Amino acid sequence: MAVQWGTNSLGARQAAGWFFIRPKASGFLPVLSVMPLSPSFTDGHWSFDEGFTSISFPILNELGISTMWTQLSDDGSNLIYFIVVMNFSNSPIEYAFLEADL
């Protein structure tokens, strides 16, 4: 079961980078995603002239999230997870994170 946490806002056609630090544990894999909390009122049209010119994953006309990537902390005790959240709509949107552990 996923746990919902945090409430964030993102302006129209904007992106935000996030990182999460978790203790290194054998067999632990967090699954992070985002869930819209408000409608986007998008017009269903998106052009790549707004700065998102090299996206290499599928997108929808609303809230997108990048592939999660990681790095090991300097002392080897923590993993640092990075993601980018993007709003492809014409209006600000609110969202929350969803997290499950595998």
PDB file of N, CA and C in Angstrom:
ATOM      1  N   MET A   1       0.843  -1.179   0.000  1.00  0.00           N
ATOM      2  CA  MET A   1       0.000   0.000   0.000  1.00  0.00           C
ATOM      3  C   MET A   1       0.890   1.245   0.000  1.00  0.00           C
ATOM      4  N   ALA A   2       0.538   2.179  -0.840  1.00  0.00           N
ATOM      5  CA  ALA A   2       1.309   3.427  -0.944  1.00  0.00           C
ATOM      6  C   ALA A   2       0.892   4.414   0.140  1.00  0.00           C
ATOM      7  N   VAL A   3       1.843   5.207   0.567  1.00  0.00           N
ATOM      8  CA  VAL A   3       1.616   6.254   1.553  1.00  0.00           C
ATOM      9  C   VAL A   3       1.677   7.595   0.837  1.00  0.00           C
ATOM     10  N   GLN A   4       0.670   8.433   1.046  1.00  0.00           N
ATOM     11  CA  GLN A   4       0.656   9.778   0.458  1.00  0.00           C
ATOM     12  C   GLN A   4       1.244  10.756   1.463  1.00  0.00           C
ATOM     13  N   TRP A   5       2.145  11.642   0.986  1.00  0.00           N
ATOM     14  CA  TRP A   5       2.729  12.645   1.884  1.00  0.00           C
ATOM     15  C   TRP A   5       3.107  13.882   1.104  1.00  0.00           C
ATOM     16  N   GLY A   6       3.147  14.992   1.826  1.00  0.00           N
ATOM     17  CA  GLY A   6       3.536  16.284   1.254  1.00  0.00           C
ATOM     18  C   GLY A   6       2.474  16.864   0.337  1.00  0.00           C
ATOM     19  N   THR A   7       2.352  18.160   0.346  1.00  0.00           N
ATOM     20  CA  THR A   7       1.501  18.895  -0.584  1.00  0.00           C
ATOM     21  C   THR A   7       2.361  19.988  -1.189  1.00  0.00           C
ATOM     22  N   ASN A   8       2.422  20.010  -2.507  1.00  0.00           N
ATOM     23  CA  ASN A   8       3.285  20.947  -3.217  1.00  0.00           C
ATOM     24  C   ASN A   8       2.521  21.613  -4.344  1.00  0.00           C
ATOM     25  N   SER A   9       2.981  22.779  -4.775  1.00  0.00           N
ATOM     26  CA  SER A   9       2.398  23.500  -5.912  1.00  0.00           C
ATOM     27  C   SER A   9       3.455  23.663  -6.983  1.00  0.00           C
ATOM     28  N   LEU A  10       3.003  23.659  -8.232  1.00  0.00           N
ATOM     29  CA  LEU A  10       3.901  23.841  -9.351  1.00  0.00           C
ATOM     30  C   LEU A  10       3.194  24.700 -10.391  1.00  0.00           C
ATOM     31  N   GLY A  11       3.835  25.788 -10.817  1.00  0.00           N
ATOM     32  CA  GLY A  11       3.244  26.707 -11.784  1.00  0.00           C
ATOM     33  C   GLY A  11       3.099  26.076 -13.154  1.00  0.00           C
ATOM     34  N   ALA A  12       2.308  26.720 -13.999  1.00  0.00           N
ATOM     35  CA  ALA A  12       2.089  26.253 -15.363  1.00  0.00           C
ATOM     36  C   ALA A  12       3.413  26.124 -16.103  1.00  0.00           C
ATOM     37  N   ARG A  13       3.605  24.992 -16.775  1.00  0.00           N
ATOM     38  CA  ARG A  13       4.793  24.729 -17.608  1.00  0.00           C
ATOM     39  C   ARG A  13       6.104  24.853 -16.822  1.00  0.00           C
ATOM     40  N   GLN A  14       6.067  24.478 -15.535  1.00  0.00           N
ATOM     41  CA  GLN A  14       7.246  24.553 -14.673  1.00  0.00           C
ATOM     42  C   GLN A  14       7.699  23.153 -14.258  1.00  0.00           C
ATOM     43  N   ALA A  15       8.911  23.069 -13.735  1.00  0.00           N
ATOM     44  CA  ALA A  15       9.460  21.809 -13.222  1.00  0.00           C
ATOM     45  C   ALA A  15      10.121  22.063 -11.872  1.00  0.00           C
ATOM     46  N   ALA A  16      10.173  21.023 -11.046  1.00  0.00           N
ATOM     47  CA  ALA A  16      10.831  21.107  -9.736  1.00  0.00           C
ATOM     48  C   ALA A  16      11.625  19.831  -9.513  1.00  0.00           C
ATOM     49  N   GLY A  17      12.854  19.970  -9.036  1.00  0.00           N
ATOM     50  CA  GLY A  17      13.687  18.820  -8.715  1.00  0.00           C
ATOM     51  C   GLY A  17      13.586  18.491  -7.234  1.00  0.00           C
ATOM     52  N   TRP A  18      13.567  17.198  -6.908  1.00  0.00           N
ATOM     53  CA  TRP A  18      13.449  16.737  -5.529  1.00  0.00           C
ATOM     54  C   TRP A  18      14.500  15.672  -5.259  1.00  0.00           C
ATOM     55  N   PHE A  19      14.918  15.561  -3.996  1.00  0.00           N
ATOM     56  CA  PHE A  19      15.755  14.442  -3.593  1.00  0.00           C
ATOM     57  C   PHE A  19      15.284  13.938  -2.241  1.00  0.00           C
ATOM     58  N   PHE A  20      15.473  12.635  -2.023  1.00  0.00           N
ATOM     59  CA  PHE A  20      15.058  11.963  -0.804  1.00  0.00           C
ATOM     60  C   PHE A  20      16.209  11.101  -0.334  1.00  0.00           C
ATOM     61  N   ILE A  21      16.499  11.135   0.952  1.00  0.00           N
ATOM     62  CA  ILE A  21      17.599  10.354   1.510  1.00  0.00           C
ATOM     63  C   ILE A  21      17.018   9.239   2.369  1.00  0.00           C
ATOM     64  N   ARG A  22      17.459   8.019   2.087  1.00  0.00           N
ATOM     65  CA  ARG A  22      17.011   6.852   2.838  1.00  0.00           C
ATOM     66  C   ARG A  22      18.245   6.050   3.260  1.00  0.00           C
ATOM     67  N   PRO A  23      18.218   5.438   4.441  1.00  0.00           N
ATOM     68  CA  PRO A  23      19.337   4.582   4.854  1.00  0.00           C
ATOM     69  C   PRO A  23      19.518   3.436   3.858  1.00  0.00           C
ATOM     70  N   LYS A  24      20.761   3.111   3.565  1.00  0.00           N
ATOM     71  CA  LYS A  24      21.053   1.993   2.673  1.00  0.00           C
ATOM     72  C   LYS A  24      20.654   0.703   3.367  1.00  0.00           C
ATOM     73  N   ALA A  25      19.840  -0.114   2.715  1.00  0.00           N
ATOM     74  CA  ALA A  25      19.393  -1.387   3.280  1.00  0.00           C
ATOM     75  C   ALA A  25      19.305  -2.403   2.155  1.00  0.00           C
ATOM     76  N   SER A  26      19.787  -3.582   2.390  1.00  0.00           N
ATOM     77  CA  SER A  26      19.748  -4.637   1.393  1.00  0.00           C
ATOM     78  C   SER A  26      18.303  -5.004   1.068  1.00  0.00           C
ATOM     79  N   GLY A  27      17.986  -5.069  -0.216  1.00  0.00           N
ATOM     80  CA  GLY A  27      16.650  -5.455  -0.640  1.00  0.00           C
ATOM     81  C   GLY A  27      15.612  -4.355  -0.578  1.00  0.00           C
ATOM     82  N   PHE A  28      15.989  -3.140  -0.237  1.00  0.00           N
ATOM     83  CA  PHE A  28      15.043  -2.020  -0.103  1.00  0.00           C
ATOM     84  C   PHE A  28      15.011  -1.219  -1.396  1.00  0.00           C
ATOM     85  N   LEU A  29      13.825  -0.972  -1.936  1.00  0.00           N
ATOM     86  CA  LEU A  29      13.669  -0.141  -3.116  1.00  0.00           C
ATOM     87  C   LEU A  29      12.413   0.711  -2.962  1.00  0.00           C
ATOM     88  N   PRO A  30      12.554   2.016  -2.756  1.00  0.00           N
ATOM     89  CA  PRO A  30      11.357   2.856  -2.685  1.00  0.00           C
ATOM     90  C   PRO A  30      10.787   3.081  -4.084  1.00  0.00           C
ATOM     91  N   VAL A  31       9.484   3.137  -4.171  1.00  0.00           N
ATOM     92  CA  VAL A  31       8.808   3.467  -5.416  1.00  0.00           C
ATOM     93  C   VAL A  31       8.109   4.793  -5.181  1.00  0.00           C
ATOM     94  N   LEU A  32       8.580   5.850  -5.844  1.00  0.00           N
ATOM     95  CA  LEU A  32       8.036   7.190  -5.661  1.00  0.00           C
ATOM     96  C   LEU A  32       7.265   7.614  -6.894  1.00  0.00           C
ATOM     97  N   SER A  33       6.145   8.267  -6.684  1.00  0.00           N
ATOM     98  CA  SER A  33       5.352   8.817  -7.772  1.00  0.00           C
ATOM     99  C   SER A  33       4.656  10.071  -7.263  1.00  0.00           C
ATOM    100  N   VAL A  34       3.947  10.758  -8.137  1.00  0.00           N
ATOM    101  CA  VAL A  34       3.188  11.932  -7.734  1.00  0.00           C
ATOM    102  C   VAL A  34       1.735  11.762  -8.144  1.00  0.00           C
ATOM    103  N   MET A  35       0.840  12.418  -7.395  1.00  0.00           N
ATOM    104  CA  MET A  35      -0.587  12.368  -7.665  1.00  0.00           C
ATOM    105  C   MET A  35      -1.119  13.795  -7.683  1.00  0.00           C
ATOM    106  N   PRO A  36      -1.808  14.210  -8.753  1.00  0.00           N
ATOM    107  CA  PRO A  36      -2.394  15.546  -8.772  1.00  0.00           C
ATOM    108  C   PRO A  36      -3.462  15.682  -7.685  1.00  0.00           C
ATOM    109  N   LEU A  37      -3.497  16.834  -7.032  1.00  0.00           N
ATOM    110  CA  LEU A  37      -4.525  17.130  -6.028  1.00  0.00           C
ATOM    111  C   LEU A  37      -5.507  18.185  -6.525  1.00  0.00           C
ATOM    112  N   SER A  38      -5.218  18.767  -7.696  1.00  0.00           N
ATOM    113  CA  SER A  38      -6.109  19.767  -8.287  1.00  0.00           C
ATOM    114  C   SER A  38      -6.159  19.540  -9.792  1.00  0.00           C
ATOM    115  N   PRO A  39      -7.249  19.957 -10.438  1.00  0.00           N
ATOM    116  CA  PRO A  39      -7.322  19.799 -11.898  1.00  0.00           C
ATOM    117  C   PRO A  39      -6.343  20.736 -12.586  1.00  0.00           C
ATOM    118  N   SER A  40      -5.900  20.349 -13.783  1.00  0.00           N
ATOM    119  CA  SER A  40      -4.925  21.168 -14.496  1.00  0.00           C
ATOM    120  C   SER A  40      -5.573  22.124 -15.485  1.00  0.00           C
ATOM    121  N   PHE A  41      -6.813  21.861 -15.895  1.00  0.00           N
ATOM    122  CA  PHE A  41      -7.518  22.698 -16.879  1.00  0.00           C
ATOM    123  C   PHE A  41      -6.693  22.880 -18.146  1.00  0.00           C
ATOM    124  N   THR A  42      -5.975  21.831 -18.525  1.00  0.00           N
ATOM    125  CA  THR A  42      -5.125  21.916 -19.709  1.00  0.00           C
ATOM    126  C   THR A  42      -5.959  22.009 -20.978  1.00  0.00           C
ATOM    127  N   ASP A  43      -5.383  22.617 -21.998  1.00  0.00           N
ATOM    128  CA  ASP A  43      -6.065  22.706 -23.282  1.00  0.00           C
ATOM    129  C   ASP A  43      -5.756  21.495 -24.153  1.00  0.00           C
ATOM    130  N   GLY A  44      -4.985  20.555 -23.640  1.00  0.00           N
ATOM    131  CA  GLY A  44      -4.656  19.352 -24.381  1.00  0.00           C
ATOM    132  C   GLY A  44      -3.584  19.566 -25.433  1.00  0.00           C
ATOM    133  N   HIS A  45      -2.983  20.737 -25.484  1.00  0.00           N
ATOM    134  CA  HIS A  45      -1.959  21.023 -26.479  1.00  0.00           C
ATOM    135  C   HIS A  45      -0.645  21.322 -25.763  1.00  0.00           C
ATOM    136  N   TRP A  46       0.421  20.747 -26.263  1.00  0.00           N
ATOM    137  CA  TRP A  46       1.735  20.998 -25.678  1.00  0.00           C
ATOM    138  C   TRP A  46       2.740  21.172 -26.794  1.00  0.00           C
ATOM    139  N   SER A  47       3.552  22.200 -26.707  1.00  0.00           N
ATOM    140  CA  SER A  47       4.643  22.365 -27.660  1.00  0.00           C
ATOM    141  C   SER A  47       5.939  22.401 -26.876  1.00  0.00           C
ATOM    142  N   PHE A  48       7.033  21.971 -27.504  1.00  0.00           N
ATOM    143  CA  PHE A  48       8.299  21.867 -26.812  1.00  0.00           C
ATOM    144  C   PHE A  48       9.126  23.137 -26.907  1.00  0.00           C
ATOM    145  N   ASP A  49       8.492  24.285 -27.042  1.00  0.00           N
ATOM    146  CA  ASP A  49       9.240  25.537 -27.108  1.00  0.00           C
ATOM    147  C   ASP A  49       9.334  26.217 -25.750  1.00  0.00           C
ATOM    148  N   GLU A  50       8.946  25.538 -24.705  1.00  0.00           N
ATOM    149  CA  GLU A  50       8.916  26.131 -23.369  1.00  0.00           C
ATOM    150  C   GLU A  50      10.092  25.701 -22.502  1.00  0.00           C
ATOM    151  N   GLY A  51      11.108  25.073 -23.081  1.00  0.00           N
ATOM    152  CA  GLY A  51      12.264  24.696 -22.289  1.00  0.00           C
ATOM    153  C   GLY A  51      12.411  23.209 -22.036  1.00  0.00           C
ATOM    154  N   PHE A  52      11.365  22.412 -22.289  1.00  0.00           N
ATOM    155  CA  PHE A  52      11.455  20.961 -22.127  1.00  0.00           C
ATOM    156  C   PHE A  52      11.800  20.349 -23.482  1.00  0.00           C
ATOM    157  N   THR A  53      12.983  20.598 -23.985  1.00  0.00           N
ATOM    158  CA  THR A  53      13.320  20.209 -25.356  1.00  0.00           C
ATOM    159  C   THR A  53      13.977  18.847 -25.476  1.00  0.00           C
ATOM    160  N   SER A  54      14.402  18.235 -24.382  1.00  0.00           N
ATOM    161  CA  SER A  54      15.096  16.958 -24.510  1.00  0.00           C
ATOM    162  C   SER A  54      14.525  15.894 -23.571  1.00  0.00           C
ATOM    163  N   ILE A  55      13.221  15.835 -23.435  1.00  0.00           N
ATOM    164  CA  ILE A  55      12.585  14.842 -22.578  1.00  0.00           C
ATOM    165  C   ILE A  55      12.664  13.484 -23.261  1.00  0.00           C
ATOM    166  N   SER A  56      13.083  12.476 -22.507  1.00  0.00           N
ATOM    167  CA  SER A  56      13.278  11.159 -23.102  1.00  0.00           C
ATOM    168  C   SER A  56      12.386  10.094 -22.466  1.00  0.00           C
ATOM    169  N   PHE A  57      11.235  10.488 -21.946  1.00  0.00           N
ATOM    170  CA  PHE A  57      10.285   9.543 -21.390  1.00  0.00           C
ATOM    171  C   PHE A  57       8.879   9.999 -21.771  1.00  0.00           C
ATOM    172  N   PRO A  58       7.892   9.089 -21.739  1.00  0.00           N
ATOM    173  CA  PRO A  58       6.530   9.474 -22.145  1.00  0.00           C
ATOM    174  C   PRO A  58       5.967  10.565 -21.242  1.00  0.00           C
ATOM    175  N   ILE A  59       5.215  11.479 -21.825  1.00  0.00           N
ATOM    176  CA  ILE A  59       4.586  12.550 -21.053  1.00  0.00           C
ATOM    177  C   ILE A  59       3.100  12.610 -21.379  1.00  0.00           C
ATOM    178  N   LEU A  60       2.342  13.156 -20.459  1.00  0.00           N
ATOM    179  CA  LEU A  60       0.929  13.428 -20.657  1.00  0.00           C
ATOM    180  C   LEU A  60       0.744  14.929 -20.515  1.00  0.00           C
ATOM    181  N   ASN A  61      -0.429  15.421 -20.821  1.00  0.00           N
ATOM    182  CA  ASN A  61      -0.685  16.864 -20.775  1.00  0.00           C
ATOM    183  C   ASN A  61      -1.005  17.367 -19.377  1.00  0.00           C
ATOM    184  N   GLU A  62      -0.442  16.781 -18.383  1.00  0.00           N
ATOM    185  CA  GLU A  62      -0.723  17.248 -17.038  1.00  0.00           C
ATOM    186  C   GLU A  62       0.528  17.168 -16.192  1.00  0.00           C
ATOM    187  N   LEU A  63       0.578  16.261 -15.253  1.00  0.00           N
ATOM    188  CA  LEU A  63       1.684  16.168 -14.296  1.00  0.00           C
ATOM    189  C   LEU A  63       2.583  15.013 -14.691  1.00  0.00           C
ATOM    190  N   GLY A  64       3.874  15.274 -14.839  1.00  0.00           N
ATOM    191  CA  GLY A  64       4.832  14.236 -15.215  1.00  0.00           C
ATOM    192  C   GLY A  64       5.896  14.077 -14.158  1.00  0.00           C
ATOM    193  N   ILE A  65       6.545  12.922 -14.154  1.00  0.00           N
ATOM    194  CA  ILE A  65       7.634  12.655 -13.226  1.00  0.00           C
ATOM    195  C   ILE A  65       8.739  11.927 -13.973  1.00  0.00           C
ATOM    196  N   SER A  66       9.973  12.285 -13.689  1.00  0.00           N
ATOM    197  CA  SER A  66      11.100  11.655 -14.357  1.00  0.00           C
ATOM    198  C   SER A  66      11.356  10.274 -13.781  1.00  0.00           C
ATOM    199  N   THR A  67      12.234   9.547 -14.419  1.00  0.00           N
ATOM    200  CA  THR A  67      12.751   8.309 -13.858  1.00  0.00           C
ATOM    201  C   THR A  67      13.541   8.656 -12.600  1.00  0.00           C
ATOM    202  N   MET A  68      13.412   7.838 -11.568  1.00  0.00           N
ATOM    203  CA  MET A  68      14.151   8.075 -10.335  1.00  0.00           C
ATOM    204  C   MET A  68      15.581   7.570 -10.515  1.00  0.00           C
ATOM    205  N   TRP A  69      16.552   8.336 -10.062  1.00  0.00           N
ATOM    206  CA  TRP A  69      17.938   7.884 -10.085  1.00  0.00           C
ATOM    207  C   TRP A  69      18.556   8.099  -8.722  1.00  0.00           C
ATOM    208  N   THR A  70      19.682   7.420  -8.459  1.00  0.00           N
ATOM    209  CA  THR A  70      20.246   7.425  -7.110  1.00  0.00           C
ATOM    210  C   THR A  70      21.750   7.645  -7.120  1.00  0.00           C
ATOM    211  N   GLN A  71      22.244   7.968  -5.948  1.00  0.00           N
ATOM    212  CA  GLN A  71      23.687   7.971  -5.707  1.00  0.00           C
ATOM    213  C   GLN A  71      23.910   7.565  -4.261  1.00  0.00           C
ATOM    214  N   LEU A  72      25.065   6.985  -3.993  1.00  0.00           N
ATOM    215  CA  LEU A  72      25.447   6.568  -2.653  1.00  0.00           C
ATOM    216  C   LEU A  72      26.099   7.746  -1.947  1.00  0.00           C
ATOM    217  N   SER A  73      25.769   7.962  -0.685  1.00  0.00           N
ATOM    218  CA  SER A  73      26.386   9.050   0.077  1.00  0.00           C
ATOM    219  C   SER A  73      27.886   8.791   0.241  1.00  0.00           C
ATOM    220  N   ASP A  74      28.629   9.841   0.580  1.00  0.00           N
ATOM    221  CA  ASP A  74      30.086   9.739   0.712  1.00  0.00           C
ATOM    222  C   ASP A  74      30.515   8.667   1.720  1.00  0.00           C
ATOM    223  N   ASP A  75      29.765   8.518   2.816  1.00  0.00           N
ATOM    224  CA  ASP A  75      30.150   7.526   3.828  1.00  0.00           C
ATOM    225  C   ASP A  75      29.549   6.144   3.562  1.00  0.00           C
ATOM    226  N   GLY A  76      28.740   6.013   2.484  1.00  0.00           N
ATOM    227  CA  GLY A  76      28.172   4.722   2.097  1.00  0.00           C
ATOM    228  C   GLY A  76      26.986   4.260   2.912  1.00  0.00           C
ATOM    229  N   SER A  77      26.472   5.092   3.819  1.00  0.00           N
ATOM    230  CA  SER A  77      25.382   4.653   4.690  1.00  0.00           C
ATOM    231  C   SER A  77      23.988   5.008   4.164  1.00  0.00           C
ATOM    232  N   ASN A  78      23.904   5.926   3.212  1.00  0.00           N
ATOM    233  CA  ASN A  78      22.605   6.379   2.693  1.00  0.00           C
ATOM    234  C   ASN A  78      22.582   6.337   1.171  1.00  0.00           C
ATOM    235  N   LEU A  79      21.374   6.158   0.636  1.00  0.00           N
ATOM    236  CA  LEU A  79      21.130   6.320  -0.785  1.00  0.00           C
ATOM    237  C   LEU A  79      20.336   7.600  -0.962  1.00  0.00           C
ATOM    238  N   ILE A  80      20.685   8.368  -1.971  1.00  0.00           N
ATOM    239  CA  ILE A  80      20.001   9.622  -2.261  1.00  0.00           C
ATOM    240  C   ILE A  80      19.247   9.422  -3.576  1.00  0.00           C
ATOM    241  N   TYR A  81      17.929   9.590  -3.537  1.00  0.00           N
ATOM    242  CA  TYR A  81      17.065   9.385  -4.695  1.00  0.00           C
ATOM    243  C   TYR A  81      16.667  10.738  -5.267  1.00  0.00           C
ATOM    244  N   PHE A  82      16.764  10.887  -6.580  1.00  0.00           N
ATOM    245  CA  PHE A  82      16.437  12.143  -7.256  1.00  0.00           C
ATOM    246  C   PHE A  82      15.291  11.927  -8.243  1.00  0.00           C
ATOM    247  N   ILE A  83      14.364  12.890  -8.320  1.00  0.00           N
ATOM    248  CA  ILE A  83      13.309  12.881  -9.332  1.00  0.00           C
ATOM    249  C   ILE A  83      13.013  14.322  -9.742  1.00  0.00           C
ATOM    250  N   VAL A  84      12.407  14.483 -10.896  1.00  0.00           N
ATOM    251  CA  VAL A  84      11.965  15.784 -11.382  1.00  0.00           C
ATOM    252  C   VAL A  84      10.467  15.686 -11.646  1.00  0.00           C
ATOM    253  N   VAL A  85       9.711  16.646 -11.120  1.00  0.00           N
ATOM    254  CA  VAL A  85       8.261  16.722 -11.326  1.00  0.00           C
ATOM    255  C   VAL A  85       7.992  17.872 -12.285  1.00  0.00           C
ATOM    256  N   MET A  86       7.135  17.641 -13.294  1.00  0.00           N
ATOM    257  CA  MET A  86       6.854  18.653 -14.311  1.00  0.00           C
ATOM    258  C   MET A  86       5.356  18.855 -14.481  1.00  0.00           C
ATOM    259  N   ASN A  87       4.967  20.100 -14.639  1.00  0.00           N
ATOM    260  CA  ASN A  87       3.570  20.457 -14.897  1.00  0.00           C
ATOM    261  C   ASN A  87       3.460  20.846 -16.366  1.00  0.00           C
ATOM    262  N   PHE A  88       2.792  20.014 -17.157  1.00  0.00           N
ATOM    263  CA  PHE A  88       2.638  20.269 -18.585  1.00  0.00           C
ATOM    264  C   PHE A  88       1.345  21.006 -18.911  1.00  0.00           C
ATOM    265  N   SER A  89       0.632  21.484 -17.903  1.00  0.00           N
ATOM    266  CA  SER A  89      -0.648  22.158 -18.137  1.00  0.00           C
ATOM    267  C   SER A  89      -0.450  23.669 -18.209  1.00  0.00           C
ATOM    268  N   ASN A  90      -1.536  24.366 -18.466  1.00  0.00           N
ATOM    269  CA  ASN A  90      -1.524  25.830 -18.563  1.00  0.00           C
ATOM    270  C   ASN A  90      -1.866  26.510 -17.252  1.00  0.00           C
ATOM    271  N   SER A  91      -2.070  25.751 -16.189  1.00  0.00           N
ATOM    272  CA  SER A  91      -2.470  26.307 -14.897  1.00  0.00           C
ATOM    273  C   SER A  91      -1.597  25.732 -13.788  1.00  0.00           C
ATOM    274  N   PRO A  92      -1.476  26.436 -12.663  1.00  0.00           N
ATOM    275  CA  PRO A  92      -0.776  25.851 -11.515  1.00  0.00           C
ATOM    276  C   PRO A  92      -1.491  24.576 -11.076  1.00  0.00           C
ATOM    277  N   ILE A  93      -0.747  23.667 -10.508  1.00  0.00           N
ATOM    278  CA  ILE A  93      -1.330  22.411 -10.043  1.00  0.00           C
ATOM    279  C   ILE A  93      -0.737  22.054  -8.691  1.00  0.00           C
ATOM    280  N   GLU A  94      -1.534  21.431  -7.852  1.00  0.00           N
ATOM    281  CA  GLU A  94      -1.056  20.936  -6.566  1.00  0.00           C
ATOM    282  C   GLU A  94      -0.910  19.432  -6.675  1.00  0.00           C
ATOM    283  N   TYR A  95       0.095  18.885  -5.985  1.00  0.00           N
ATOM    284  CA  TYR A  95       0.335  17.452  -6.043  1.00  0.00           C
ATOM    285  C   TYR A  95       0.901  16.965  -4.722  1.00  0.00           C
ATOM    286  N   ALA A  96       0.835  15.665  -4.531  1.00  0.00           N
ATOM    287  CA  ALA A  96       1.412  15.000  -3.363  1.00  0.00           C
ATOM    288  C   ALA A  96       2.265  13.834  -3.845  1.00  0.00           C
ATOM    289  N   PHE A  97       3.187  13.396  -3.020  1.00  0.00           N
ATOM    290  CA  PHE A  97       4.005  12.233  -3.340  1.00  0.00           C
ATOM    291  C   PHE A  97       3.313  10.981  -2.865  1.00  0.00           C
ATOM    292  N   LEU A  98       3.508   9.903  -3.592  1.00  0.00           N
ATOM    293  CA  LEU A  98       3.068   8.569  -3.188  1.00  0.00           C
ATOM    294  C   LEU A  98       4.324   7.717  -3.073  1.00  0.00           C
ATOM    295  N   GLU A  99       4.436   6.967  -1.984  1.00  0.00           N
ATOM    296  CA  GLU A  99       5.624   6.135  -1.790  1.00  0.00           C
ATOM    297  C   GLU A  99       5.235   4.756  -1.304  1.00  0.00           C
ATOM    298  N   ALA A 100       5.832   3.751  -1.914  1.00  0.00           N
ATOM    299  CA  ALA A 100       5.691   2.367  -1.470  1.00  0.00           C
ATOM    300  C   ALA A 100       7.093   1.771  -1.451  1.00  0.00           C
ATOM    301  N   ASP A 101       7.314   0.793  -0.613  1.00  0.00           N
ATOM    302  CA  ASP A 101       8.619   0.146  -0.516  1.00  0.00           C
ATOM    303  C   ASP A 101       8.512  -1.276  -1.022  1.00  0.00           C
ATOM    304  N   LEU A 102       9.469  -1.681  -1.855  1.00  0.00           N
ATOM    305  CA  LEU A 102       9.533  -3.059  -2.348  1.00  0.00           C
ATOM    306  C   LEU A 102      10.622  -3.806  -1.641  1.00  0.00           C
TER     307      LEU A 102
END
